[in-house]
Every structure is written in C-alpha cells, then in structure tokens.
C-alpha cells in the first residue's frame, strides 16, 4: 500500500485497543474532520482488518488502503461526506 496523495489531516493511535473501540474512535474522529480529509488509523487488533472496511462501506467513507507491518495495521480513510 502506498500513502494517499493527500497527507493525513489526523492520526488515530488505536494501538492496544480492542474491538469495538478502534471503530468507535474512528467514527468519532471522522465527525470532527472536513470532507476530503484523510485519517490515518494505527491499530494492533486484527479485527480492524474486517471491521474497518465494513464500517467504511456502511458509513460511506472511502478506505484508501490498509497494510500490516508486524503487529501494526495502518489504514487510510478519506471522509467522503458531511
């Protein structure tokens, strides 16, 4: 995965948090962001690999990509609407 063309406006460190907390915190962060901004999410709960794409689809935000580096999962989410 390559980083998005736009640098992240915000980073969410969800390391050490377990389902459903990373998704709850992602949703809260997205509410505070402007349309088009990108959120960088870092987590180590493997549930994020399934939960975050499902949440993005349900919430209609754009998952730009996800990658694993050891135990850390990095994801980029673009806010698609207000």
PDB file of N, CA and C in Angstrom:
ATOM      1  N   UNK A   1       0.852  -1.183   0.000  1.00  0.00           N
ATOM      2  CA  UNK A   1       0.000   0.000   0.000  1.00  0.00           C
ATOM      3  C   UNK A   1       0.889   1.234   0.000  1.00  0.00           C
ATOM      4  N   UNK A   2       0.535   2.184  -0.835  1.00  0.00           N
ATOM      5  CA  UNK A   2       1.247   3.459  -0.798  1.00  0.00           C
ATOM      6  C   UNK A   2       0.367   4.484  -0.085  1.00  0.00           C
ATOM      7  N   UNK A   3       1.001   5.462   0.520  1.00  0.00           N
ATOM      8  CA  UNK A   3       0.263   6.512   1.222  1.00  0.00           C
ATOM      9  C   UNK A   3      -0.573   7.296   0.212  1.00  0.00           C
ATOM     10  N   UNK A   4      -1.688   7.874   0.663  1.00  0.00           N
ATOM     11  CA  UNK A   4      -2.521   8.655  -0.252  1.00  0.00           C
ATOM     12  C   UNK A   4      -1.798   9.914  -0.721  1.00  0.00           C
ATOM     13  N   UNK A   5      -2.303  10.488  -1.821  1.00  0.00           N
ATOM     14  CA  UNK A   5      -1.702  11.698  -2.382  1.00  0.00           C
ATOM     15  C   UNK A   5      -1.776  12.875  -1.409  1.00  0.00           C
ATOM     16  N   UNK A   6      -2.815  12.887  -0.581  1.00  0.00           N
ATOM     17  CA  UNK A   6      -3.012  13.951   0.405  1.00  0.00           C
ATOM     18  C   UNK A   6      -2.510  13.449   1.754  1.00  0.00           C
ATOM     19  N   UNK A   7      -1.672  14.223   2.433  1.00  0.00           N
ATOM     20  CA  UNK A   7      -1.198  13.766   3.745  1.00  0.00           C
ATOM     21  C   UNK A   7      -2.361  13.690   4.734  1.00  0.00           C
ATOM     22  N   UNK A   8      -2.281  12.766   5.698  1.00  0.00           N
ATOM     23  CA  UNK A   8      -3.357  12.657   6.685  1.00  0.00           C
ATOM     24  C   UNK A   8      -3.526  13.954   7.466  1.00  0.00           C
ATOM     25  N   UNK A   9      -4.772  14.338   7.671  1.00  0.00           N
ATOM     26  CA  UNK A   9      -5.077  15.524   8.468  1.00  0.00           C
ATOM     27  C   UNK A   9      -4.993  15.188   9.954  1.00  0.00           C
ATOM     28  N   UNK A  10      -5.137  13.904  10.246  1.00  0.00           N
ATOM     29  CA  UNK A  10      -5.181  13.472  11.637  1.00  0.00           C
ATOM     30  C   UNK A  10      -4.723  12.022  11.717  1.00  0.00           C
ATOM     31  N   UNK A  11      -4.134  11.650  12.858  1.00  0.00           N
ATOM     32  CA  UNK A  11      -3.726  10.268  13.102  1.00  0.00           C
ATOM     33  C   UNK A  11      -4.457   9.763  14.331  1.00  0.00           C
ATOM     34  N   UNK A  12      -5.005   8.565  14.211  1.00  0.00           N
ATOM     35  CA  UNK A  12      -5.674   7.908  15.326  1.00  0.00           C
ATOM     36  C   UNK A  12      -4.811   6.736  15.752  1.00  0.00           C
ATOM     37  N   UNK A  13      -4.290   6.788  16.968  1.00  0.00           N
ATOM     38  CA  UNK A  13      -3.484   5.697  17.512  1.00  0.00           C
ATOM     39  C   UNK A  13      -4.395   4.800  18.324  1.00  0.00           C
ATOM     40  N   UNK A  14      -4.755   3.651  17.750  1.00  0.00           N
ATOM     41  CA  UNK A  14      -5.622   2.698  18.422  1.00  0.00           C
ATOM     42  C   UNK A  14      -4.843   1.467  18.874  1.00  0.00           C
ATOM     43  N   UNK A  15      -3.527   1.609  19.009  1.00  0.00           N
ATOM     44  CA  UNK A  15      -2.685   0.511  19.473  1.00  0.00           C
ATOM     45  C   UNK A  15      -3.109   0.166  20.904  1.00  0.00           C
ATOM     46  N   UNK A  16      -3.321  -1.124  21.149  1.00  0.00           N
ATOM     47  CA  UNK A  16      -3.698  -1.583  22.483  1.00  0.00           C
ATOM     48  C   UNK A  16      -5.195  -1.571  22.733  1.00  0.00           C
ATOM     49  N   UNK A  17      -5.974  -1.083  21.788  1.00  0.00           N
ATOM     50  CA  UNK A  17      -7.428  -1.050  21.934  1.00  0.00           C
ATOM     51  C   UNK A  17      -8.041  -2.205  21.159  1.00  0.00           C
ATOM     52  N   UNK A  18      -9.107  -2.762  21.710  1.00  0.00           N
ATOM     53  CA  UNK A  18      -9.731  -3.926  21.094  1.00  0.00           C
ATOM     54  C   UNK A  18     -11.159  -3.629  20.692  1.00  0.00           C
ATOM     55  N   UNK A  19     -11.660  -4.418  19.763  1.00  0.00           N
ATOM     56  CA  UNK A  19     -12.997  -4.296  19.204  1.00  0.00           C
ATOM     57  C   UNK A  19     -14.026  -4.087  20.319  1.00  0.00           C
ATOM     58  N   UNK A  20     -14.884  -3.126  20.167  1.00  0.00           N
ATOM     59  CA  UNK A  20     -15.137  -2.255  19.023  1.00  0.00           C
ATOM     60  C   UNK A  20     -14.502  -0.875  19.132  1.00  0.00           C
ATOM     61  N   UNK A  21     -13.618  -0.671  20.101  1.00  0.00           N
ATOM     62  CA  UNK A  21     -13.095   0.663  20.395  1.00  0.00           C
ATOM     63  C   UNK A  21     -12.390   1.327  19.201  1.00  0.00           C
ATOM     64  N   UNK A  22     -11.539   0.628  18.426  1.00  0.00           N
ATOM     65  CA  UNK A  22     -10.917   1.319  17.287  1.00  0.00           C
ATOM     66  C   UNK A  22     -11.937   1.882  16.287  1.00  0.00           C
ATOM     67  N   UNK A  23     -13.029   1.166  16.072  1.00  0.00           N
ATOM     68  CA  UNK A  23     -14.049   1.645  15.136  1.00  0.00           C
ATOM     69  C   UNK A  23     -14.827   2.812  15.745  1.00  0.00           C
ATOM     70  N   UNK A  24     -15.131   2.732  17.019  1.00  0.00           N
ATOM     71  CA  UNK A  24     -15.833   3.826  17.705  1.00  0.00           C
ATOM     72  C   UNK A  24     -14.987   5.097  17.641  1.00  0.00           C
ATOM     73  N   UNK A  25     -13.688   4.968  17.896  1.00  0.00           N
ATOM     74  CA  UNK A  25     -12.802   6.130  17.855  1.00  0.00           C
ATOM     75  C   UNK A  25     -12.625   6.652  16.426  1.00  0.00           C
ATOM     76  N   UNK A  26     -12.623   5.756  15.448  1.00  0.00           N
ATOM     77  CA  UNK A  26     -12.543   6.176  14.049  1.00  0.00           C
ATOM     78  C   UNK A  26     -13.782   7.000  13.683  1.00  0.00           C
ATOM     79  N   UNK A  27     -14.951   6.509  14.053  1.00  0.00           N
ATOM     80  CA  UNK A  27     -16.199   7.223  13.760  1.00  0.00           C
ATOM     81  C   UNK A  27     -16.197   8.597  14.413  1.00  0.00           C
ATOM     82  N   UNK A  28     -15.748   8.680  15.658  1.00  0.00           N
ATOM     83  CA  UNK A  28     -15.710   9.968  16.363  1.00  0.00           C
ATOM     84  C   UNK A  28     -14.732  10.925  15.693  1.00  0.00           C
ATOM     85  N   UNK A  29     -13.579  10.422  15.280  1.00  0.00           N
ATOM     86  CA  UNK A  29     -12.582  11.276  14.618  1.00  0.00           C
ATOM     87  C   UNK A  29     -13.116  11.798  13.288  1.00  0.00           C
ATOM     88  N   UNK A  30     -13.795  10.943  12.545  1.00  0.00           N
ATOM     89  CA  UNK A  30     -14.323  11.357  11.242  1.00  0.00           C
ATOM     90  C   UNK A  30     -15.364  12.460  11.382  1.00  0.00           C
ATOM     91  N   UNK A  31     -16.127  12.460  12.453  1.00  0.00           N
ATOM     92  CA  UNK A  31     -17.135  13.500  12.678  1.00  0.00           C
ATOM     93  C   UNK A  31     -16.492  14.876  12.820  1.00  0.00           C
ATOM     94  N   UNK A  32     -15.260  14.922  13.299  1.00  0.00           N
ATOM     95  CA  UNK A  32     -14.560  16.180  13.539  1.00  0.00           C
ATOM     96  C   UNK A  32     -13.766  16.657  12.325  1.00  0.00           C
ATOM     97  N   UNK A  33     -13.738  15.867  11.270  1.00  0.00           N
ATOM     98  CA  UNK A  33     -12.916  16.188  10.101  1.00  0.00           C
ATOM     99  C   UNK A  33     -13.756  16.765   8.975  1.00  0.00           C
ATOM    100  N   UNK A  34     -13.097  17.460   8.066  1.00  0.00           N
ATOM    101  CA  UNK A  34     -13.768  18.038   6.898  1.00  0.00           C
ATOM    102  C   UNK A  34     -13.817  17.007   5.770  1.00  0.00           C
ATOM    103  N   UNK A  35     -14.812  17.151   4.914  1.00  0.00           N
ATOM    104  CA  UNK A  35     -14.932  16.280   3.746  1.00  0.00           C
ATOM    105  C   UNK A  35     -13.647  16.364   2.923  1.00  0.00           C
ATOM    106  N   UNK A  36     -13.129  15.216   2.517  1.00  0.00           N
ATOM    107  CA  UNK A  36     -11.910  15.149   1.729  1.00  0.00           C
ATOM    108  C   UNK A  36     -10.654  14.923   2.547  1.00  0.00           C
ATOM    109  N   UNK A  37     -10.714  15.191   3.847  1.00  0.00           N
ATOM    110  CA  UNK A  37      -9.544  14.956   4.692  1.00  0.00           C
ATOM    111  C   UNK A  37      -9.339  13.458   4.905  1.00  0.00           C
ATOM    112  N   UNK A  38      -8.083  13.099   5.190  1.00  0.00           N
ATOM    113  CA  UNK A  38      -7.706  11.705   5.370  1.00  0.00           C
ATOM    114  C   UNK A  38      -7.317  11.457   6.823  1.00  0.00           C
ATOM    115  N   UNK A  39      -7.813  10.341   7.349  1.00  0.00           N
ATOM    116  CA  UNK A  39      -7.480   9.887   8.702  1.00  0.00           C
ATOM    117  C   UNK A  39      -6.546   8.699   8.584  1.00  0.00           C
ATOM    118  N   UNK A  40      -5.430   8.751   9.292  1.00  0.00           N
ATOM    119  CA  UNK A  40      -4.512   7.627   9.392  1.00  0.00           C
ATOM    120  C   UNK A  40      -4.841   6.884  10.679  1.00  0.00           C
ATOM    121  N   UNK A  41      -5.170   5.615  10.557  1.00  0.00           N
ATOM    122  CA  UNK A  41      -5.511   4.788  11.719  1.00  0.00           C
ATOM    123  C   UNK A  41      -4.411   3.755  11.912  1.00  0.00           C
ATOM    124  N   UNK A  42      -3.905   3.661  13.136  1.00  0.00           N
ATOM    125  CA  UNK A  42      -2.921   2.633  13.501  1.00  0.00           C
ATOM    126  C   UNK A  42      -3.524   1.776  14.589  1.00  0.00           C
ATOM    127  N   UNK A  43      -3.537   0.460  14.382  1.00  0.00           N
ATOM    128  CA  UNK A  43      -4.134  -0.454  15.349  1.00  0.00           C
ATOM    129  C   UNK A  43      -3.355  -1.765  15.370  1.00  0.00           C
ATOM    130  N   UNK A  44      -3.522  -2.505  16.448  1.00  0.00           N
ATOM    131  CA  UNK A  44      -2.912  -3.831  16.516  1.00  0.00           C
ATOM    132  C   UNK A  44      -3.945  -4.927  16.773  1.00  0.00           C
ATOM    133  N   UNK A  45      -5.210  -4.568  16.802  1.00  0.00           N
ATOM    134  CA  UNK A  45      -6.293  -5.546  16.907  1.00  0.00           C
ATOM    135  C   UNK A  45      -6.613  -6.029  15.495  1.00  0.00           C
ATOM    136  N   UNK A  46      -6.363  -7.299  15.216  1.00  0.00           N
ATOM    137  CA  UNK A  46      -6.553  -7.831  13.874  1.00  0.00           C
ATOM    138  C   UNK A  46      -8.000  -7.747  13.407  1.00  0.00           C
ATOM    139  N   UNK A  47      -8.938  -7.552  14.311  1.00  0.00           N
ATOM    140  CA  UNK A  47     -10.325  -7.371  13.928  1.00  0.00           C
ATOM    141  C   UNK A  47     -10.530  -6.159  13.043  1.00  0.00           C
ATOM    142  N   UNK A  48      -9.621  -5.204  13.117  1.00  0.00           N
ATOM    143  CA  UNK A  48      -9.700  -3.993  12.295  1.00  0.00           C
ATOM    144  C   UNK A  48      -9.642  -4.345  10.807  1.00  0.00           C
ATOM    145  N   UNK A  49      -8.963  -5.429  10.467  1.00  0.00           N
ATOM    146  CA  UNK A  49      -8.843  -5.837   9.069  1.00  0.00           C
ATOM    147  C   UNK A  49     -10.197  -6.134   8.439  1.00  0.00           C
ATOM    148  N   UNK A  50     -11.145  -6.575   9.243  1.00  0.00           N
ATOM    149  CA  UNK A  50     -12.508  -6.856   8.769  1.00  0.00           C
ATOM    150  C   UNK A  50     -13.441  -5.699   9.127  1.00  0.00           C
ATOM    151  N   UNK A  51     -13.317  -5.219  10.360  1.00  0.00           N
ATOM    152  CA  UNK A  51     -14.259  -4.214  10.869  1.00  0.00           C
ATOM    153  C   UNK A  51     -14.148  -2.861  10.171  1.00  0.00           C
ATOM    154  N   UNK A  52     -12.930  -2.400   9.904  1.00  0.00           N
ATOM    155  CA  UNK A  52     -12.780  -1.068   9.309  1.00  0.00           C
ATOM    156  C   UNK A  52     -13.321  -1.010   7.878  1.00  0.00           C
ATOM    157  N   UNK A  53     -13.011  -1.978   7.006  1.00  0.00           N
ATOM    158  CA  UNK A  53     -13.634  -1.939   5.673  1.00  0.00           C
ATOM    159  C   UNK A  53     -15.159  -2.006   5.735  1.00  0.00           C
ATOM    160  N   UNK A  54     -15.692  -2.821   6.646  1.00  0.00           N
ATOM    161  CA  UNK A  54     -17.153  -2.915   6.783  1.00  0.00           C
ATOM    162  C   UNK A  54     -17.732  -1.590   7.263  1.00  0.00           C
ATOM    163  N   UNK A  55     -17.070  -0.944   8.230  1.00  0.00           N
ATOM    164  CA  UNK A  55     -17.559   0.338   8.737  1.00  0.00           C
ATOM    165  C   UNK A  55     -17.500   1.400   7.633  1.00  0.00           C
ATOM    166  N   UNK A  56     -16.399   1.430   6.884  1.00  0.00           N
ATOM    167  CA  UNK A  56     -16.272   2.421   5.805  1.00  0.00           C
ATOM    168  C   UNK A  56     -17.403   2.254   4.787  1.00  0.00           C
ATOM    169  N   UNK A  57     -17.708   1.027   4.441  1.00  0.00           N
ATOM    170  CA  UNK A  57     -18.788   0.775   3.485  1.00  0.00           C
ATOM    171  C   UNK A  57     -20.124   1.240   4.053  1.00  0.00           C
ATOM    172  N   UNK A  58     -20.389   0.888   5.323  1.00  0.00           N
ATOM    173  CA  UNK A  58     -21.645   1.262   5.963  1.00  0.00           C
ATOM    174  C   UNK A  58     -21.767   2.777   6.121  1.00  0.00           C
ATOM    175  N   UNK A  59     -20.659   3.430   6.521  1.00  0.00           N
ATOM    176  CA  UNK A  59     -20.673   4.873   6.771  1.00  0.00           C
ATOM    177  C   UNK A  59     -20.442   5.684   5.496  1.00  0.00           C
ATOM    178  N   UNK A  60     -20.153   4.998   4.409  1.00  0.00           N
ATOM    179  CA  UNK A  60     -19.939   5.627   3.098  1.00  0.00           C
ATOM    180  C   UNK A  60     -18.726   6.559   3.093  1.00  0.00           C
ATOM    181  N   UNK A  61     -17.648   6.113   3.745  1.00  0.00           N
ATOM    182  CA  UNK A  61     -16.367   6.807   3.655  1.00  0.00           C
ATOM    183  C   UNK A  61     -15.434   5.929   2.835  1.00  0.00           C
ATOM    184  N   UNK A  62     -14.371   6.507   2.316  1.00  0.00           N
ATOM    185  CA  UNK A  62     -13.500   5.802   1.381  1.00  0.00           C
ATOM    186  C   UNK A  62     -12.269   5.220   2.086  1.00  0.00           C
ATOM    187  N   UNK A  63     -12.162   3.911   2.080  1.00  0.00           N
ATOM    188  CA  UNK A  63     -10.965   3.247   2.593  1.00  0.00           C
ATOM    189  C   UNK A  63      -9.927   3.274   1.479  1.00  0.00           C
ATOM    190  N   UNK A  64      -8.859   4.034   1.686  1.00  0.00           N
ATOM    191  CA  UNK A  64      -7.840   4.202   0.650  1.00  0.00           C
ATOM    192  C   UNK A  64      -6.854   3.051   0.625  1.00  0.00           C
ATOM    193  N   UNK A  65      -6.698   2.360   1.752  1.00  0.00           N
ATOM    194  CA  UNK A  65      -5.781   1.231   1.796  1.00  0.00           C
ATOM    195  C   UNK A  65      -5.460   0.828   3.213  1.00  0.00           C
ATOM    196  N   UNK A  66      -5.007  -0.416   3.328  1.00  0.00           N
ATOM    197  CA  UNK A  66      -4.590  -0.959   4.616  1.00  0.00           C
ATOM    198  C   UNK A  66      -3.315  -1.762   4.390  1.00  0.00           C
ATOM    199  N   UNK A  67      -2.447  -1.771   5.408  1.00  0.00           N
ATOM    200  CA  UNK A  67      -1.220  -2.548   5.338  1.00  0.00           C
ATOM    201  C   UNK A  67      -0.855  -3.043   6.728  1.00  0.00           C
ATOM    202  N   UNK A  68      -0.159  -4.160   6.765  1.00  0.00           N
ATOM    203  CA  UNK A  68       0.337  -4.712   8.020  1.00  0.00           C
ATOM    204  C   UNK A  68       1.854  -4.617   8.035  1.00  0.00           C
ATOM    205  N   UNK A  69       2.388  -4.191   9.178  1.00  0.00           N
ATOM    206  CA  UNK A  69       3.830  -4.165   9.390  1.00  0.00           C
ATOM    207  C   UNK A  69       4.063  -4.776  10.759  1.00  0.00           C
ATOM    208  N   UNK A  70       4.395  -6.052  10.770  1.00  0.00           N
ATOM    209  CA  UNK A  70       4.493  -6.759  12.047  1.00  0.00           C
ATOM    210  C   UNK A  70       3.106  -6.847  12.658  1.00  0.00           C
ATOM    211  N   UNK A  71       2.974  -6.391  13.890  1.00  0.00           N
ATOM    212  CA  UNK A  71       1.687  -6.432  14.584  1.00  0.00           C
ATOM    213  C   UNK A  71       0.824  -5.202  14.322  1.00  0.00           C
ATOM    214  N   UNK A  72       1.369  -4.202  13.651  1.00  0.00           N
ATOM    215  CA  UNK A  72       0.653  -2.940  13.468  1.00  0.00           C
ATOM    216  C   UNK A  72      -0.039  -2.886  12.109  1.00  0.00           C
ATOM    217  N   UNK A  73      -1.305  -2.545  12.149  1.00  0.00           N
ATOM    218  CA  UNK A  73      -2.108  -2.359  10.939  1.00  0.00           C
ATOM    219  C   UNK A  73      -2.261  -0.856  10.730  1.00  0.00           C
ATOM    220  N   UNK A  74      -1.969  -0.401   9.525  1.00  0.00           N
ATOM    221  CA  UNK A  74      -2.119   1.005   9.167  1.00  0.00           C
ATOM    222  C   UNK A  74      -3.184   1.120   8.099  1.00  0.00           C
ATOM    223  N   UNK A  75      -4.089   2.065   8.284  1.00  0.00           N
ATOM    224  CA  UNK A  75      -5.156   2.265   7.312  1.00  0.00           C
ATOM    225  C   UNK A  75      -5.347   3.758   7.063  1.00  0.00           C
ATOM    226  N   UNK A  76      -5.751   4.080   5.834  1.00  0.00           N
ATOM    227  CA  UNK A  76      -6.060   5.452   5.462  1.00  0.00           C
ATOM    228  C   UNK A  76      -7.526   5.522   5.060  1.00  0.00           C
ATOM    229  N   UNK A  77      -8.269   6.436   5.681  1.00  0.00           N
ATOM    230  CA  UNK A  77      -9.684   6.601   5.409  1.00  0.00           C
ATOM    231  C   UNK A  77      -9.942   8.065   5.027  1.00  0.00           C
ATOM    232  N   UNK A  78     -10.585   8.267   3.876  1.00  0.00           N
ATOM    233  CA  UNK A  78     -10.939   9.631   3.444  1.00  0.00           C
ATOM    234  C   UNK A  78     -12.403   9.894   3.775  1.00  0.00           C
ATOM    235  N   UNK A  79     -12.657  11.044   4.405  1.00  0.00           N
ATOM    236  CA  UNK A  79     -14.031  11.428   4.709  1.00  0.00           C
ATOM    237  C   UNK A  79     -14.729  11.805   3.404  1.00  0.00           C
ATOM    238  N   UNK A  80     -15.801  11.086   3.095  1.00  0.00           N
ATOM    239  CA  UNK A  80     -16.449  11.251   1.791  1.00  0.00           C
ATOM    240  C   UNK A  80     -17.662  12.165   1.816  1.00  0.00           C
ATOM    241  N   UNK A  81     -18.205  12.448   2.989  1.00  0.00           N
ATOM    242  CA  UNK A  81     -19.404  13.280   3.066  1.00  0.00           C
ATOM    243  C   UNK A  81     -19.510  13.891   4.466  1.00  0.00           C
ATOM    244  N   UNK A  82     -20.372  14.887   4.588  1.00  0.00           N
ATOM    245  CA  UNK A  82     -20.559  15.571   5.887  1.00  0.00           C
ATOM    246  C   UNK A  82     -21.381  14.738   6.839  1.00  0.00           C
TER     247      UNK A  82
END
